C-alpha atoms as a PDB file:
ATOM      1  CA  MET A   1      -0.964 145.881 -91.146  1.00  0.00           C
ATOM      2  CA  ASN A   2       1.798 145.321 -93.671  1.00  0.00           C
ATOM      3  CA  LEU A   3       3.411 142.261 -95.219  1.00  0.00           C
ATOM      4  CA  PRO A   4       6.143 141.954 -97.861  1.00  0.00           C
ATOM      5  CA  LEU A   5       5.184 140.825-101.359  1.00  0.00           C
ATOM      6  CA  VAL A   6       7.053 138.817-103.980  1.00  0.00           C
ATOM      7  CA  PHE A   7       6.182 138.908-107.683  1.00  0.00           C
ATOM      8  CA  LYS A   8       7.741 135.870-109.321  1.00  0.00           C
ATOM      9  CA  ARG A   9       6.999 133.973-112.540  1.00  0.00           C
ATOM     10  CA  GLN A  10       4.124 136.401-113.153  1.00  0.00           C
ATOM     11  CA  HIS A  11       2.415 135.471-109.881  1.00  0.00           C
ATOM     12  CA  LEU A  12       1.809 137.477-106.699  1.00  0.00           C
ATOM     13  CA  PHE A  13       2.832 136.072-103.312  1.00  0.00           C
ATOM     14  CA  ILE A  14       2.701 137.223 -99.702  1.00  0.00           C
ATOM     15  CA  LYS A  15       5.982 136.487 -97.930  1.00  0.00           C
ATOM     16  CA  THR A  16       5.754 135.135 -94.379  1.00  0.00           C
ATOM     17  CA  ALA A  17       8.156 133.387 -92.008  1.00  0.00           C
ATOM     18  CA  ALA A  18       6.567 130.073 -93.003  1.00  0.00           C
ATOM     19  CA  GLY A  19       7.001 130.695 -96.732  1.00  0.00           C
ATOM     20  CA  LEU A  20       5.097 132.131 -99.698  1.00  0.00           C
ATOM     21  CA  TRP A  21       1.306 132.381 -99.977  1.00  0.00           C
ATOM     22  CA  VAL A  22      -0.469 133.024-103.301  1.00  0.00           C
ATOM     23  CA  PHE A  23      -2.596 136.211-103.211  1.00  0.00           C
ATOM     24  CA  ASP A  24      -5.504 134.949-105.283  1.00  0.00           C
ATOM     25  CA  THR A  25      -8.725 136.877-105.909  1.00  0.00           C
ATOM     26  CA  GLY A  26      -9.702 134.151-108.366  1.00  0.00           C
ATOM     27  CA  SER A  27     -10.108 131.558-105.596  1.00  0.00           C
ATOM     28  CA  PRO A  28     -13.016 131.572-103.125  1.00  0.00           C
ATOM     29  CA  SER A  29     -11.109 129.548-100.515  1.00  0.00           C
ATOM     30  CA  THR A  30      -7.979 129.865 -98.390  1.00  0.00           C
ATOM     31  CA  ILE A  31      -5.871 126.709 -98.121  1.00  0.00           C
ATOM     32  CA  GLY A  32      -2.423 125.977 -96.747  1.00  0.00           C
ATOM     33  CA  GLU A  33       0.063 123.580 -95.237  1.00  0.00           C
ATOM     34  CA  THR A  34       0.562 125.451 -91.969  1.00  0.00           C
ATOM     35  CA  GLY A  35      -2.982 125.176 -90.616  1.00  0.00           C
ATOM     36  CA  PHE A  36      -3.326 128.895 -89.922  1.00  0.00           C
ATOM     37  CA  ASN A  37      -4.168 131.982 -91.937  1.00  0.00           C
ATOM     38  CA  PRO A  38      -1.311 134.543 -92.107  1.00  0.00           C
ATOM     39  CA  LEU A  39      -3.662 137.535 -92.481  1.00  0.00           C
ATOM     40  CA  ASN A  40      -5.881 136.915 -89.457  1.00  0.00           C
ATOM     41  CA  GLY A  41      -4.337 133.996 -87.562  1.00  0.00           C
ATOM     42  CA  ASN A  42      -7.472 131.859 -87.905  1.00  0.00           C
ATOM     43  CA  ALA A  43      -7.216 128.102 -88.271  1.00  0.00           C
ATOM     44  CA  ILE A  44      -7.620 126.624 -91.736  1.00  0.00           C
ATOM     45  CA  LYS A  45      -7.779 123.038 -92.900  1.00  0.00           C
ATOM     46  CA  ALA A  46      -4.251 121.853 -93.701  1.00  0.00           C
ATOM     47  CA  ARG A  47      -3.598 120.731 -97.275  1.00  0.00           C
ATOM     48  CA  SER A  48      -0.480 119.821 -99.206  1.00  0.00           C
ATOM     49  CA  MET A  49       0.501 122.516-101.688  1.00  0.00           C
ATOM     50  CA  SER A  50       2.844 120.319-103.720  1.00  0.00           C
ATOM     51  CA  ASP A  51       0.575 120.274-106.788  1.00  0.00           C
ATOM     52  CA  ILE A  52       0.141 124.056-106.861  1.00  0.00           C
ATOM     53  CA  SER A  53       3.867 124.577-106.199  1.00  0.00           C
ATOM     54  CA  GLN A  54       4.644 122.330-109.173  1.00  0.00           C
ATOM     55  CA  PHE A  55       2.259 124.215-111.470  1.00  0.00           C
ATOM     56  CA  LEU A  56       3.619 127.604-110.376  1.00  0.00           C
ATOM     57  CA  GLY A  57       7.266 126.604-110.455  1.00  0.00           C
ATOM     58  CA  VAL A  58       7.561 128.271-107.031  1.00  0.00           C
ATOM     59  CA  LYS A  59       7.441 126.579-103.611  1.00  0.00           C
ATOM     60  CA  VAL A  60       4.374 127.867-101.759  1.00  0.00           C
ATOM     61  CA  VAL A  61       2.881 126.976 -98.382  1.00  0.00           C
ATOM     62  CA  GLY A  62      -0.616 128.291 -99.016  1.00  0.00           C
ATOM     63  CA  LEU A  63      -3.115 130.240-101.074  1.00  0.00           C
ATOM     64  CA  ILE A  64      -5.197 133.108 -99.714  1.00  0.00           C
ATOM     65  CA  GLY A  65      -8.588 133.355-101.376  1.00  0.00           C
ATOM     66  CA  THR A  66     -11.471 135.766-101.231  1.00  0.00           C
ATOM     67  CA  ASP A  67     -13.011 134.181 -98.117  1.00  0.00           C
ATOM     68  CA  THR A  68     -10.140 135.982 -96.341  1.00  0.00           C
ATOM     69  CA  LEU A  69      -9.221 138.811 -98.721  1.00  0.00           C
ATOM     70  CA  ASN A  70     -12.716 140.258 -98.949  1.00  0.00           C
ATOM     71  CA  ALA A  71     -12.804 141.074 -95.233  1.00  0.00           C
ATOM     72  CA  TYR A  72     -10.220 143.841 -95.741  1.00  0.00           C
ATOM     73  CA  ASP A  73      -9.175 146.820 -97.815  1.00  0.00           C
ATOM     74  CA  HIS A  74      -5.866 146.172 -99.604  1.00  0.00           C
ATOM     75  CA  VAL A  75      -3.244 148.454-101.140  1.00  0.00           C
ATOM     76  CA  ILE A  76      -0.902 146.313-103.231  1.00  0.00           C
ATOM     77  CA  ASP A  77       2.446 147.944-104.000  1.00  0.00           C
ATOM     78  CA  LEU A  78       4.323 146.252-106.845  1.00  0.00           C
ATOM     79  CA  ARG A  79       6.812 149.018-107.461  1.00  0.00           C
ATOM     80  CA  SER A  80      10.213 147.381-107.812  1.00  0.00           C
ATOM     81  CA  LYS A  81      12.038 148.345-104.605  1.00  0.00           C
ATOM     82  CA  HIS A  82       9.290 148.262-102.008  1.00  0.00           C
ATOM     83  CA  MET A  83       6.866 145.486-102.834  1.00  0.00           C
ATOM     84  CA  SER A  84       4.383 145.284 -99.970  1.00  0.00           C
ATOM     85  CA  LEU A  85       0.784 144.683 -99.001  1.00  0.00           C
ATOM     86  CA  GLU A  86      -1.112 146.983 -96.657  1.00  0.00           C
ATOM     87  CA  TYR A  87      -4.388 145.519 -95.459  1.00  0.00           C
ATOM     88  CA  SER A  88      -6.871 146.804 -92.934  1.00  0.00           C
ATOM     89  CA  GLU A  89     -10.418 146.461 -91.636  1.00  0.00           C
ATOM     90  CA  ASP A  90     -10.503 150.261 -91.883  1.00  0.00           C
ATOM     91  CA  GLU A  91     -10.965 152.014 -95.209  1.00  0.00           C
ATOM     92  CA  LEU A  92      -7.724 152.581 -97.129  1.00  0.00           C
ATOM     93  CA  THR A  93      -7.094 154.953-100.037  1.00  0.00           C
ATOM     94  CA  CYS A  94      -5.159 154.683-103.285  1.00  0.00           C
ATOM     95  CA  GLU A  95      -4.763 157.097-106.188  1.00  0.00           C
ATOM     96  CA  GLY A  96      -5.733 155.881-109.637  1.00  0.00           C
ATOM     97  CA  ARG A  97      -8.711 155.087-111.828  1.00  0.00           C
ATOM     98  CA  ALA A  98     -11.670 153.602-109.949  1.00  0.00           C
ATOM     99  CA  GLN A  99     -13.363 150.517-111.412  1.00  0.00           C
ATOM    100  CA  SER A 100     -16.694 149.209-110.139  1.00  0.00           C
ATOM    101  CA  LEU A 101     -16.686 145.605-108.946  1.00  0.00           C
ATOM    102  CA  ASN A 102     -19.368 142.958-108.697  1.00  0.00           C
ATOM    103  CA  LEU A 103     -18.887 139.742-106.748  1.00  0.00           C
ATOM    104  CA  ILE A 104     -19.731 136.512-108.562  1.00  0.00           C
ATOM    105  CA  SER A 105     -19.457 132.768-108.008  1.00  0.00           C
ATOM    106  CA  LEU A 106     -18.064 130.212-110.433  1.00  0.00           C
ATOM    107  CA  GLU A 107     -19.591 127.295-108.507  1.00  0.00           C
ATOM    108  CA  THR A 108     -23.181 126.385-107.757  1.00  0.00           C
ATOM    109  CA  ALA A 109     -24.282 126.983-104.143  1.00  0.00           C
ATOM    110  CA  VAL A 110     -21.122 128.972-103.320  1.00  0.00           C
ATOM    111  CA  MET A 111     -21.519 132.509-101.996  1.00  0.00           C
ATOM    112  CA  PRO A 112     -20.465 135.127-104.601  1.00  0.00           C
ATOM    113  CA  SER A 113     -16.993 136.374-103.680  1.00  0.00           C
ATOM    114  CA  ILE A 114     -14.922 136.540-106.890  1.00  0.00           C
ATOM    115  CA  PRO A 115     -14.406 140.144-108.085  1.00  0.00           C
ATOM    116  CA  ALA A 116     -15.530 141.017-111.610  1.00  0.00           C
ATOM    117  CA  LEU A 117     -15.486 144.262-113.585  1.00  0.00           C
ATOM    118  CA  ARG A 118     -16.746 145.591-116.890  1.00  0.00           C
ATOM    119  CA  ALA A 119     -14.251 146.076-119.716  1.00  0.00           C
ATOM    120  CA  SER A 120     -14.372 146.579-123.483  1.00  0.00           C
ATOM    121  CA  ILE A 121     -12.095 144.520-125.708  1.00  0.00           C
ATOM    122  CA  GLY A 122     -12.458 144.768-129.463  1.00  0.00           C
ATOM    123  CA  ASP A 123     -15.383 147.175-129.021  1.00  0.00           C
ATOM    124  CA  GLN A 124     -17.354 144.550-127.086  1.00  0.00           C
ATOM    125  CA  GLU A 125     -18.151 145.418-123.475  1.00  0.00           C
ATOM    126  CA  ALA A 126     -18.476 142.462-121.115  1.00  0.00           C
ATOM    127  CA  THR A 127     -17.809 141.179-117.602  1.00  0.00           C
ATOM    128  CA  TYR A 128     -14.326 139.906-116.703  1.00  0.00           C
ATOM    129  CA  ILE A 129     -13.039 138.331-113.508  1.00  0.00           C
ATOM    130  CA  PHE A 130     -10.231 140.293-111.827  1.00  0.00           C
ATOM    131  CA  ASP A 131      -7.861 137.474-110.887  1.00  0.00           C
ATOM    132  CA  THR A 132      -4.608 138.327-109.098  1.00  0.00           C
ATOM    133  CA  GLY A 133      -3.715 134.626-109.307  1.00  0.00           C
ATOM    134  CA  ALA A 134      -3.728 134.634-113.127  1.00  0.00           C
ATOM    135  CA  GLN A 135      -0.479 135.248-115.024  1.00  0.00           C
ATOM    136  CA  LEU A 136      -2.400 135.740-118.280  1.00  0.00           C
ATOM    137  CA  SER A 137      -5.697 137.351-119.118  1.00  0.00           C
ATOM    138  CA  TYR A 138      -8.277 135.310-121.041  1.00  0.00           C
ATOM    139  CA  ARG A 139     -11.174 136.114-123.366  1.00  0.00           C
ATOM    140  CA  ILE A 140     -13.852 133.828-124.758  1.00  0.00           C
ATOM    141  CA  GLY A 141     -14.441 133.995-128.490  1.00  0.00           C
ATOM    142  CA  GLN A 142     -12.456 135.079-131.485  1.00  0.00           C
ATOM    143  CA  LYS A 143      -9.431 137.303-131.130  1.00  0.00           C
ATOM    144  CA  PRO A 144     -10.390 140.981-131.307  1.00  0.00           C
ATOM    145  CA  ASP A 145      -9.579 143.247-134.225  1.00  0.00           C
ATOM    146  CA  GLY A 146      -6.192 144.874-133.818  1.00  0.00           C
ATOM    147  CA  HIS A 147      -4.712 142.129-131.636  1.00  0.00           C
ATOM    148  CA  VAL A 148      -0.967 141.511-131.841  1.00  0.00           C
ATOM    149  CA  PRO A 149       0.134 137.843-131.848  1.00  0.00           C
ATOM    150  CA  CYS A 150       2.630 136.817-129.181  1.00  0.00           C
ATOM    151  CA  THR A 151       4.563 133.667-128.312  1.00  0.00           C
ATOM    152  CA  PRO A 152       2.679 130.673-126.855  1.00  0.00           C
ATOM    153  CA  ALA A 153       2.731 130.191-123.088  1.00  0.00           C
ATOM    154  CA  ASP A 154       2.280 127.409-120.539  1.00  0.00           C
ATOM    155  CA  ASP A 155      -0.366 127.978-117.883  1.00  0.00           C
ATOM    156  CA  PHE A 156      -2.539 125.946-115.515  1.00  0.00           C
ATOM    157  CA  TRP A 157      -6.025 125.800-114.098  1.00  0.00           C
ATOM    158  CA  LEU A 158      -6.545 123.428-111.179  1.00  0.00           C
ATOM    159  CA  PRO A 159      -9.558 121.525-112.588  1.00  0.00           C
ATOM    160  CA  ILE A 160      -7.583 120.468-115.680  1.00  0.00           C
ATOM    161  CA  GLY A 161      -3.916 121.012-114.743  1.00  0.00           C
ATOM    162  CA  GLU A 162      -1.307 122.394-117.117  1.00  0.00           C
ATOM    163  CA  PHE A 163      -2.003 123.474-120.685  1.00  0.00           C
ATOM    164  CA  ASN A 164      -0.324 125.417-123.483  1.00  0.00           C
ATOM    165  CA  THR A 165      -2.035 128.371-125.124  1.00  0.00           C
ATOM    166  CA  GLU A 166      -1.405 130.744-127.964  1.00  0.00           C
ATOM    167  CA  THR A 167      -1.297 134.348-126.758  1.00  0.00           C
ATOM    168  CA  TYR A 168      -1.808 137.854-128.093  1.00  0.00           C
ATOM    169  CA  HIS A 169      -1.815 141.457-126.901  1.00  0.00           C
ATOM    170  CA  ALA A 170      -5.000 143.529-126.983  1.00  0.00           C
ATOM    171  CA  GLN A 171      -6.224 146.843-125.623  1.00  0.00           C
ATOM    172  CA  VAL A 172      -8.514 146.697-122.605  1.00  0.00           C
ATOM    173  CA  ALA A 173     -10.831 149.703-122.299  1.00  0.00           C
ATOM    174  CA  LEU A 174     -11.490 150.300-118.597  1.00  0.00           C
ATOM    175  CA  SER A 175     -12.944 153.274-116.767  1.00  0.00           C
ATOM    176  CA  GLY A 176     -10.533 156.141-117.388  1.00  0.00           C
ATOM    177  CA  PHE A 177      -7.764 154.398-119.350  1.00  0.00           C
ATOM    178  CA  SER A 178      -7.031 151.637-121.870  1.00  0.00           C
ATOM    179  CA  PRO A 179      -3.995 149.482-121.052  1.00  0.00           C
ATOM    180  CA  SER A 180      -2.679 146.620-123.139  1.00  0.00           C
ATOM    181  CA  ALA A 181      -2.732 143.096-121.738  1.00  0.00           C
ATOM    182  CA  ARG A 182      -1.505 139.696-122.847  1.00  0.00           C
ATOM    183  CA  PHE A 183      -4.334 137.247-123.452  1.00  0.00           C
ATOM    184  CA  GLY A 184      -4.449 133.499-123.765  1.00  0.00           C
ATOM    185  CA  VAL A 185      -7.145 131.375-125.398  1.00  0.00           C
ATOM    186  CA  PRO A 186      -9.098 129.593-122.650  1.00  0.00           C
ATOM    187  CA  PRO A 187      -9.282 125.801-122.913  1.00  0.00           C
ATOM    188  CA  PRO A 188     -12.815 124.499-123.534  1.00  0.00           C
ATOM    189  CA  LYS A 189     -13.617 123.571-119.916  1.00  0.00           C
ATOM    190  CA  LEU A 190     -12.516 126.978-118.613  1.00  0.00           C
ATOM    191  CA  ALA A 191     -14.405 128.744-121.406  1.00  0.00           C
ATOM    192  CA  GLN A 192     -17.541 126.769-120.585  1.00  0.00           C
ATOM    193  CA  THR A 193     -17.240 127.535-116.866  1.00  0.00           C
ATOM    194  CA  LEU A 194     -16.939 131.251-117.574  1.00  0.00           C
ATOM    195  CA  ASN A 195     -19.746 131.217-120.129  1.00  0.00           C
ATOM    196  CA  ASP A 196     -22.086 129.411-117.718  1.00  0.00           C
ATOM    197  CA  ARG A 197     -21.680 132.341-115.309  1.00  0.00           C
ATOM    198  CA  ALA A 198     -22.165 135.003-118.022  1.00  0.00           C
ATOM    199  CA  VAL A 199     -18.482 135.985-117.776  1.00  0.00           C
ATOM    200  CA  SER A 200     -16.460 136.702-120.917  1.00  0.00           C
ATOM    201  CA  GLY A 201     -12.979 136.199-119.527  1.00  0.00           C
ATOM    202  CA  ILE A 202     -10.328 137.002-116.963  1.00  0.00           C
ATOM    203  CA  ILE A 203      -8.159 140.057-116.358  1.00  0.00           C
ATOM    204  CA  GLY A 204      -4.923 138.893-114.742  1.00  0.00           C
ATOM    205  CA  SER A 205      -2.216 140.394-112.551  1.00  0.00           C
ATOM    206  CA  GLU A 206      -0.316 142.068-115.414  1.00  0.00           C
ATOM    207  CA  LEU A 207      -2.111 145.407-114.906  1.00  0.00           C
ATOM    208  CA  MET A 208      -0.683 145.614-111.369  1.00  0.00           C
ATOM    209  CA  ILE A 209       3.015 145.287-112.245  1.00  0.00           C
ATOM    210  CA  GLY A 210       5.104 148.304-111.244  1.00  0.00           C
ATOM    211  CA  ARG A 211       2.097 150.113-109.777  1.00  0.00           C
ATOM    212  CA  LEU A 212      -0.078 150.633-106.734  1.00  0.00           C
ATOM    213  CA  THR A 213      -3.419 148.832-106.807  1.00  0.00           C
ATOM    214  CA  GLY A 214      -6.315 149.352-104.414  1.00  0.00           C
ATOM    215  CA  TYR A 215      -8.536 146.316-103.876  1.00  0.00           C
ATOM    216  CA  PHE A 216     -11.523 147.372-101.763  1.00  0.00           C
ATOM    217  CA  PRO A 217     -14.037 144.505-102.085  1.00  0.00           C
ATOM    218  CA  ARG A 218     -16.355 145.594 -99.260  1.00  0.00           C
ATOM    219  CA  ARG A 219     -16.985 148.844-101.173  1.00  0.00           C
ATOM    220  CA  ARG A 220     -16.948 147.043-104.564  1.00  0.00           C
ATOM    221  CA  ILE A 221     -14.093 149.248-105.810  1.00  0.00           C
ATOM    222  CA  LEU A 222     -10.849 148.425-107.622  1.00  0.00           C
ATOM    223  CA  ILE A 223      -8.251 151.181-108.143  1.00  0.00           C
ATOM    224  CA  LEU A 224      -5.876 150.690-111.083  1.00  0.00           C
ATOM    225  CA  GLN A 225      -3.097 153.036-112.145  1.00  0.00           C
ATOM    226  CA  PRO A 226      -2.330 153.844-115.808  1.00  0.00           C
END
């Protein structure tokens, strides 16, 4: 099955007749205004998306989380002219560098469903959430050696709302290649939440721009392209 994608304001959306849905591996739950799930047609509890639309600066009708996404293989195509999502209950393939995934939970008594991978930043290897709903990456602790300062940015996290963060670029050593990513400094509550789950940060959607990405959660595999 295939659906068109939109990448706007550094966020990834599925385009449907009803409107835009956030493709969010950083959220365990699917929510929306329409009362149905666009990937499988199942009913979901209706919820206003006005707050999330305001934070994103983009009108959305829903957010698709890992309770839905993790039932499928996904090939996410963010090349400029043909942005699309292929998803299937069958196994899909994608060329690139394979990263091993673990599934974790950021909430007590919630089934682990958030994808996380190992990465080295500043010569320190640690676990990072792979969050397609994040416009910036984040790392707990001091900025790594060799980082390049960048302009501050506005971002949001639902438990606290909007915030402003200083940002910097740093190399991310993954399995098979070492891309550069733009990092923010996590606000204290986000840093504490990550630290409580033995997670050192977040890798955002930036590494997917202009490339094919394979998200295969049932096999615990993420395919990224250099």
